[in-house]
C-alpha atoms as a PDB file:
ATOM      1  CA  MET A   1      32.142 -69.016 -26.717  1.00  0.00           C
ATOM      2  CA  THR A   2      34.644 -70.993 -28.750  1.00  0.00           C
ATOM      3  CA  GLU A   3      33.386 -73.590 -31.167  1.00  0.00           C
ATOM      4  CA  ILE A   4      34.623 -77.110 -30.442  1.00  0.00           C
ATOM      5  CA  LYS A   5      37.025 -78.519 -33.007  1.00  0.00           C
ATOM      6  CA  TYR A   6      36.466 -82.223 -33.570  1.00  0.00           C
ATOM      7  CA  PHE A   7      39.499 -84.224 -34.661  1.00  0.00           C
ATOM      8  CA  THR A   8      39.516 -87.403 -36.681  1.00  0.00           C
ATOM      9  CA  PRO A   9      42.200 -89.737 -35.350  1.00  0.00           C
ATOM     10  CA  LYS A  10      44.266 -88.986 -38.471  1.00  0.00           C
ATOM     11  CA  GLU A  11      43.980 -85.221 -37.873  1.00  0.00           C
ATOM     12  CA  ALA A  12      44.948 -85.643 -34.221  1.00  0.00           C
ATOM     13  CA  VAL A  13      48.035 -87.632 -35.233  1.00  0.00           C
ATOM     14  CA  LYS A  14      49.052 -84.817 -37.604  1.00  0.00           C
ATOM     15  CA  THR A  15      48.909 -82.275 -34.758  1.00  0.00           C
ATOM     16  CA  LEU A  16      50.862 -84.494 -32.347  1.00  0.00           C
ATOM     17  CA  PRO A  17      54.345 -82.990 -32.991  1.00  0.00           C
ATOM     18  CA  LEU A  18      53.037 -79.521 -32.083  1.00  0.00           C
ATOM     19  CA  VAL A  19      51.011 -80.856 -29.138  1.00  0.00           C
ATOM     20  CA  LYS A  20      54.071 -82.728 -27.812  1.00  0.00           C
ATOM     21  CA  LYS A  21      56.137 -79.530 -27.838  1.00  0.00           C
ATOM     22  CA  ILE A  22      53.450 -77.518 -26.045  1.00  0.00           C
ATOM     23  CA  VAL A  23      52.952 -80.289 -23.468  1.00  0.00           C
ATOM     24  CA  GLU A  24      56.709 -80.399 -22.800  1.00  0.00           C
ATOM     25  CA  ASP A  25      56.547 -76.660 -22.073  1.00  0.00           C
ATOM     26  CA  ILE A  26      53.488 -77.094 -19.828  1.00  0.00           C
ATOM     27  CA  ILE A  27      55.069 -79.923 -17.815  1.00  0.00           C
ATOM     28  CA  ARG A  28      58.385 -78.090 -17.419  1.00  0.00           C
ATOM     29  CA  GLU A  29      56.696 -74.843 -16.354  1.00  0.00           C
ATOM     30  CA  GLY A  30      54.205 -76.647 -14.108  1.00  0.00           C
ATOM     31  CA  LYS A  31      56.937 -78.485 -12.217  1.00  0.00           C
ATOM     32  CA  GLU A  32      58.895 -75.258 -11.797  1.00  0.00           C
ATOM     33  CA  ILE A  33      55.801 -73.446 -10.470  1.00  0.00           C
ATOM     34  CA  GLN A  34      55.116 -76.310  -8.053  1.00  0.00           C
ATOM     35  CA  PHE A  35      58.732 -76.154  -6.833  1.00  0.00           C
ATOM     36  CA  LEU A  36      58.566 -72.376  -6.301  1.00  0.00           C
ATOM     37  CA  ILE A  37      55.234 -72.627  -4.459  1.00  0.00           C
ATOM     38  CA  ASP A  38      56.542 -75.436  -2.231  1.00  0.00           C
ATOM     39  CA  GLU A  39      59.661 -73.373  -1.530  1.00  0.00           C
ATOM     40  CA  VAL A  40      57.540 -70.562  -0.023  1.00  0.00           C
ATOM     41  CA  GLY A  41      55.197 -72.901   1.839  1.00  0.00           C
ATOM     42  CA  GLY A  42      52.296 -72.203  -0.505  1.00  0.00           C
ATOM     43  CA  ASP A  43      52.311 -68.434  -0.003  1.00  0.00           C
ATOM     44  CA  VAL A  44      52.537 -67.287  -3.635  1.00  0.00           C
ATOM     45  CA  GLN A  45      53.024 -63.662  -2.561  1.00  0.00           C
ATOM     46  CA  LEU A  46      56.430 -64.508  -1.037  1.00  0.00           C
ATOM     47  CA  ASN A  47      58.002 -65.101  -4.459  1.00  0.00           C
ATOM     48  CA  PRO A  48      57.501 -62.393  -7.088  1.00  0.00           C
ATOM     49  CA  ASP A  49      58.510 -64.821  -9.880  1.00  0.00           C
ATOM     50  CA  ILE A  50      55.446 -67.016  -9.372  1.00  0.00           C
ATOM     51  CA  PRO A  51      52.826 -64.661 -10.905  1.00  0.00           C
ATOM     52  CA  GLU A  52      55.006 -64.241 -14.014  1.00  0.00           C
ATOM     53  CA  ARG A  53      55.478 -68.015 -14.280  1.00  0.00           C
ATOM     54  CA  LEU A  54      51.707 -68.464 -13.972  1.00  0.00           C
ATOM     55  CA  LYS A  55      51.216 -66.028 -16.871  1.00  0.00           C
ATOM     56  CA  THR A  56      53.676 -68.063 -18.948  1.00  0.00           C
ATOM     57  CA  MET A  57      51.717 -71.216 -18.092  1.00  0.00           C
ATOM     58  CA  GLN A  58      48.516 -69.533 -19.271  1.00  0.00           C
ATOM     59  CA  VAL A  59      50.195 -68.794 -22.620  1.00  0.00           C
ATOM     60  CA  TYR A  60      51.102 -72.484 -23.052  1.00  0.00           C
ATOM     61  CA  LEU A  61      47.617 -73.638 -22.068  1.00  0.00           C
ATOM     62  CA  LYS A  62      46.083 -71.150 -24.518  1.00  0.00           C
ATOM     63  CA  GLU A  63      48.359 -72.470 -27.290  1.00  0.00           C
ATOM     64  CA  LEU A  64      47.033 -75.975 -26.651  1.00  0.00           C
ATOM     65  CA  GLN A  65      43.457 -74.708 -26.487  1.00  0.00           C
ATOM     66  CA  ASP A  66      43.967 -72.873 -29.792  1.00  0.00           C
ATOM     67  CA  VAL A  67      44.974 -76.193 -31.384  1.00  0.00           C
ATOM     68  CA  GLY A  68      41.655 -77.550 -30.080  1.00  0.00           C
ATOM     69  CA  CYS A  69      42.919 -79.792 -27.253  1.00  0.00           C
ATOM     70  CA  TYR A  70      42.434 -79.915 -23.486  1.00  0.00           C
ATOM     71  CA  TYR A  71      45.208 -80.420 -20.925  1.00  0.00           C
ATOM     72  CA  LYS A  72      44.141 -82.807 -18.133  1.00  0.00           C
ATOM     73  CA  ASP A  73      47.200 -83.482 -15.935  1.00  0.00           C
ATOM     74  CA  TRP A  74      47.287 -80.939 -13.125  1.00  0.00           C
ATOM     75  CA  ASP A  75      50.086 -82.629 -11.171  1.00  0.00           C
ATOM     76  CA  PHE A  76      52.242 -82.358 -14.318  1.00  0.00           C
ATOM     77  CA  SER A  77      53.408 -85.964 -14.276  1.00  0.00           C
ATOM     78  CA  ILE A  78      52.017 -87.631 -17.428  1.00  0.00           C
ATOM     79  CA  GLY A  79      51.029 -84.791 -19.730  1.00  0.00           C
ATOM     80  CA  LEU A  80      47.504 -86.010 -20.442  1.00  0.00           C
ATOM     81  CA  VAL A  81      45.723 -84.385 -23.399  1.00  0.00           C
ATOM     82  CA  ASP A  82      42.212 -84.886 -24.796  1.00  0.00           C
ATOM     83  CA  PHE A  83      41.223 -84.207 -28.416  1.00  0.00           C
ATOM     84  CA  PRO A  84      37.451 -83.871 -29.018  1.00  0.00           C
ATOM     85  CA  SER A  85      36.314 -86.411 -31.591  1.00  0.00           C
ATOM     86  CA  VAL A  86      33.430 -88.548 -32.807  1.00  0.00           C
ATOM     87  CA  ILE A  87      33.749 -92.346 -32.792  1.00  0.00           C
ATOM     88  CA  ASP A  88      30.848 -94.561 -33.856  1.00  0.00           C
ATOM     89  CA  GLY A  89      28.581 -91.506 -33.939  1.00  0.00           C
ATOM     90  CA  LYS A  90      29.294 -90.518 -30.310  1.00  0.00           C
ATOM     91  CA  GLU A  91      31.179 -87.503 -28.985  1.00  0.00           C
ATOM     92  CA  VAL A  92      34.342 -88.755 -27.296  1.00  0.00           C
ATOM     93  CA  PHE A  93      37.868 -87.642 -26.504  1.00  0.00           C
ATOM     94  CA  LEU A  94      40.918 -89.074 -28.191  1.00  0.00           C
ATOM     95  CA  CYS A  95      43.305 -89.515 -25.301  1.00  0.00           C
ATOM     96  CA  TRP A  96      47.101 -89.147 -25.378  1.00  0.00           C
ATOM     97  CA  ARG A  97      49.772 -89.200 -22.681  1.00  0.00           C
ATOM     98  CA  SER A  98      53.186 -87.639 -23.175  1.00  0.00           C
ATOM     99  CA  ASP A  99      54.864 -91.014 -22.645  1.00  0.00           C
ATOM    100  CA  GLU A 100      52.930 -92.540 -25.582  1.00  0.00           C
ATOM    101  CA  LYS A 101      54.357 -92.421 -29.119  1.00  0.00           C
ATOM    102  CA  PHE A 102      50.957 -92.377 -30.808  1.00  0.00           C
ATOM    103  CA  ILE A 103      47.308 -91.527 -30.210  1.00  0.00           C
ATOM    104  CA  ARG A 104      45.652 -94.936 -29.898  1.00  0.00           C
ATOM    105  CA  PHE A 105      42.917 -94.564 -27.261  1.00  0.00           C
ATOM    106  CA  TYR A 106      39.676 -92.704 -26.649  1.00  0.00           C
ATOM    107  CA  HIS A 107      37.128 -92.354 -23.863  1.00  0.00           C
ATOM    108  CA  ASP A 108      33.744 -90.761 -23.320  1.00  0.00           C
ATOM    109  CA  ALA A 109      33.229 -87.759 -21.065  1.00  0.00           C
ATOM    110  CA  ILE A 110      31.799 -89.816 -18.214  1.00  0.00           C
ATOM    111  CA  SER A 111      34.312 -92.675 -17.966  1.00  0.00           C
ATOM    112  CA  GLY A 112      37.373 -90.476 -18.504  1.00  0.00           C
ATOM    113  CA  PHE A 113      40.915 -91.808 -18.625  1.00  0.00           C
ATOM    114  CA  ALA A 114      39.995 -94.919 -16.628  1.00  0.00           C
ATOM    115  CA  GLY A 115      37.579 -95.923 -19.410  1.00  0.00           C
ATOM    116  CA  ARG A 116      40.057 -95.693 -22.296  1.00  0.00           C
ATOM    117  CA  LYS A 117      39.391 -97.971 -25.271  1.00  0.00           C
ATOM    118  CA  ALA A 118      41.454 -98.625 -28.389  1.00  0.00           C
ATOM    119  CA  ILE A 119      40.519 -96.466 -31.378  1.00  0.00           C
ATOM    120  CA  PRO A 120      39.191 -98.808 -34.096  1.00  0.00           C
ATOM    121  CA  GLU A 121      41.834 -99.247 -36.820  1.00  0.00           C
ATOM    122  CA  GLU A 122      39.460 -98.177 -39.596  1.00  0.00           C
ATOM    123  CA  TYR A 123      39.608 -94.612 -38.224  1.00  0.00           C
ATOM    124  CA  PHE A 124      43.287 -94.438 -39.215  1.00  0.00           C
ATOM    125  CA  LEU A 125      42.742 -95.526 -42.833  1.00  0.00           C
END
């Protein structure tokens, strides 16, 4: 079992250029896989390219996991990524979307994206 990496907000910001690149790859590949699956009416066996594309997707997801992040956008529209962290002594997830320039929000495991709160500024000092 892999040990969880906890990011400070400053550490998460430092990894963002790499995370952005991986997420771009995930979104691009995910949309292409969705297109190919739709093209064959959902029968993956009708297109021999799909299994190879799925393997490529697994490589991208593993890259993100190796950084210590979790990909959370399975319709491949907003590129949502969670970074495990601790804020005010509680385990939380720093939350970033691919359309956001910076990591500025977090949420707990129960409330998820809908419960996003601003990261207190002192965590960036």
